Each structure stands twice: as structure tokens, then as C-alpha cells.
Amino acid sequence: MMGDYNINFLKTEGHTRTAQFVDIILSYNYVPVTSKATRVTHRTATLIDNFLTNSTAHMNTIQGKMVSDTSDHLPIVYVQLTETAVRTPKVINERIYNDQALLQKKTRR
């Protein structure tokens, strides 16, 4: 879940409504992807652009912020790596010897 909530996650201790919002998202097993400021100006730094995840695969992620001159909001990068199942080829270790199989073999030649 992502959005520009305009709720500064860096102010959870000093602002009751922010603390309540964070408590609600945590109660639904969502966690913020970043804990650093996403909007930086000469005077302030706030965490108002949030990307929330309920994934349990936190160790298999790439996350961070990109530096951009197009905005004072830093783009958030979040990539969740997944493991691809390796399929083993099906090996057939038997041969059918009946009239139909022998006939098919003869017609293939």
C-alpha cells in the first residue's frame, strides 16, 4: 500500500493522531518500508510519503530512496525478490511393449 498520506511518520511520539494511524496500520500487520525522511527541504525533513507492506519476506527485499532534482519528495524504491521454483524434468524409465506401441513405432519410420 502506498500513498502521499501527509502524515509525518517521524512525529509519532509528539502527535497523537499520527501515533494512532501508525498503531492502526501495525495492527493490520502492515509496516513502513522506510523510516527515513522522504521529503527534504532546507528547513524540514518529513516522512510523509509512505510505502507499507504486509509481506513477511523482509529479508528478500531491496529498498531505499532515490535522489531526484525534479521534486522535494524522494522517490521510494521497493523490490521484493522471489524465489523461482526449479523444476526437474520428468524422466520416463519404462517402455510399453504392446501391439499398439509397436505399430506406432513402425509407422514413424
Protein backbone atom coordinates (compact mmCIF):
# COMPACT_ATOMS: atom_id res chain seq x y z
CA MET A 1 0.00 0.00 0.00
CA MET A 2 1.47 3.34 -0.90
CA GLY A 3 0.46 6.94 -0.86
CA ASP A 4 1.17 10.52 0.00
CA TYR A 5 -0.69 10.45 3.30
CA ASN A 6 0.72 13.76 4.54
CA ILE A 7 1.08 12.10 7.92
CA ASN A 8 4.61 12.55 9.19
CA PHE A 9 5.72 9.17 10.49
CA LEU A 10 8.70 10.84 12.16
CA LYS A 11 6.34 12.56 14.64
CA THR A 12 4.65 9.52 16.21
CA GLU A 13 5.72 10.46 19.73
CA GLY A 14 4.68 14.11 19.59
CA HIS A 15 1.45 13.86 17.61
CA THR A 16 -1.46 11.72 18.86
CA ARG A 17 -3.22 11.26 15.50
CA THR A 18 -0.02 10.17 13.81
CA ALA A 19 0.62 7.67 16.60
CA GLN A 20 -2.95 6.37 16.22
CA PHE A 21 -2.53 5.97 12.45
CA VAL A 22 0.73 4.07 12.88
CA ASP A 23 -0.88 1.85 15.54
CA ILE A 24 -3.75 1.05 13.15
CA ILE A 25 -1.51 0.07 10.26
CA LEU A 26 0.67 -2.03 12.56
CA SER A 27 -2.44 -3.77 13.96
CA TYR A 28 -3.21 -4.95 10.40
CA ASN A 29 0.36 -6.28 10.08
CA TYR A 30 1.49 -3.51 7.73
CA VAL A 31 4.91 -2.00 8.28
CA PRO A 32 6.53 1.03 6.65
CA VAL A 33 9.21 0.22 4.10
CA THR A 34 11.31 3.20 5.12
CA SER A 35 11.94 5.00 8.40
CA LYS A 36 13.90 7.94 6.95
CA ALA A 37 12.65 11.28 5.60
CA THR A 38 11.04 11.24 2.15
CA ARG A 39 10.51 14.99 1.81
CA VAL A 40 13.50 17.20 2.48
CA THR A 41 13.70 20.98 2.27
CA HIS A 42 16.26 23.47 3.56
CA ARG A 43 14.29 23.79 6.80
CA THR A 44 12.50 20.47 7.36
CA ALA A 45 12.67 16.74 6.82
CA THR A 46 9.47 14.70 6.99
CA LEU A 47 8.35 11.15 6.31
CA ILE A 48 5.02 11.83 4.60
CA ASP A 49 5.34 9.59 1.53
CA ASN A 50 4.82 6.09 2.78
CA PHE A 51 5.04 2.65 1.28
CA LEU A 52 3.53 -0.02 3.53
CA THR A 53 3.87 -3.77 3.16
CA ASN A 54 2.42 -6.78 4.91
CA SER A 55 4.98 -9.11 3.36
CA THR A 56 6.81 -11.43 5.73
CA ALA A 57 9.78 -11.65 3.35
CA HIS A 58 11.56 -8.54 4.64
CA MET A 59 14.96 -10.16 4.18
CA ASN A 60 14.34 -10.66 0.44
CA THR A 61 13.79 -7.02 -0.47
CA ILE A 62 15.71 -4.12 -1.92
CA GLN A 63 14.50 -0.81 -0.58
CA GLY A 64 15.61 2.77 -0.45
CA LYS A 65 15.11 6.26 -1.81
CA MET A 66 16.44 7.84 -4.98
CA VAL A 67 17.83 11.34 -5.17
CA SER A 68 15.86 13.47 -7.63
CA ASP A 69 16.04 17.13 -8.58
CA THR A 70 12.52 17.12 -10.01
CA SER A 71 10.80 17.31 -6.62
CA ASP A 72 11.50 17.82 -2.94
CA HIS A 73 9.92 14.37 -2.40
CA LEU A 74 12.34 11.47 -2.69
CA PRO A 75 11.05 8.54 -4.76
CA ILE A 76 10.83 5.32 -2.75
CA VAL A 77 12.22 2.15 -4.32
CA TYR A 78 10.93 -1.22 -3.16
CA VAL A 79 11.69 -4.52 -4.88
CA GLN A 80 10.59 -7.83 -3.40
CA LEU A 81 12.73 -10.71 -4.59
CA THR A 82 11.01 -14.03 -5.11
CA GLU A 83 12.46 -17.46 -5.38
CA THR A 84 11.70 -19.34 -8.56
CA ALA A 85 10.99 -22.99 -8.09
CA VAL A 86 13.40 -25.17 -10.02
CA ARG A 87 11.53 -27.83 -11.92
CA THR A 88 13.21 -31.12 -12.54
CA PRO A 89 12.46 -32.70 -15.89
CA LYS A 90 10.16 -35.68 -15.90
CA VAL A 91 12.15 -38.78 -16.79
CA ILE A 92 10.32 -41.83 -18.07
CA ASN A 93 12.14 -45.03 -17.27
CA GLU A 94 9.77 -47.51 -18.87
CA ARG A 95 8.79 -48.55 -22.34
CA ILE A 96 5.45 -50.00 -23.27
CA TYR A 97 5.64 -53.18 -25.34
CA ASN A 98 2.24 -53.95 -26.76
CA ASP A 99 0.81 -54.27 -30.25
CA GLN A 100 -0.31 -50.65 -30.42
CA ALA A 101 3.08 -49.25 -29.30
CA LEU A 102 4.94 -51.49 -31.76
CA LEU A 103 2.61 -50.42 -34.58
CA GLN A 104 3.18 -46.72 -33.78
CA LYS A 105 6.94 -47.28 -33.81
CA LYS A 106 6.76 -48.96 -37.23
CA THR A 107 4.64 -46.16 -38.72
CA ARG A 108 7.09 -43.46 -37.54
CA ARG A 109 9.93 -44.89 -39.64
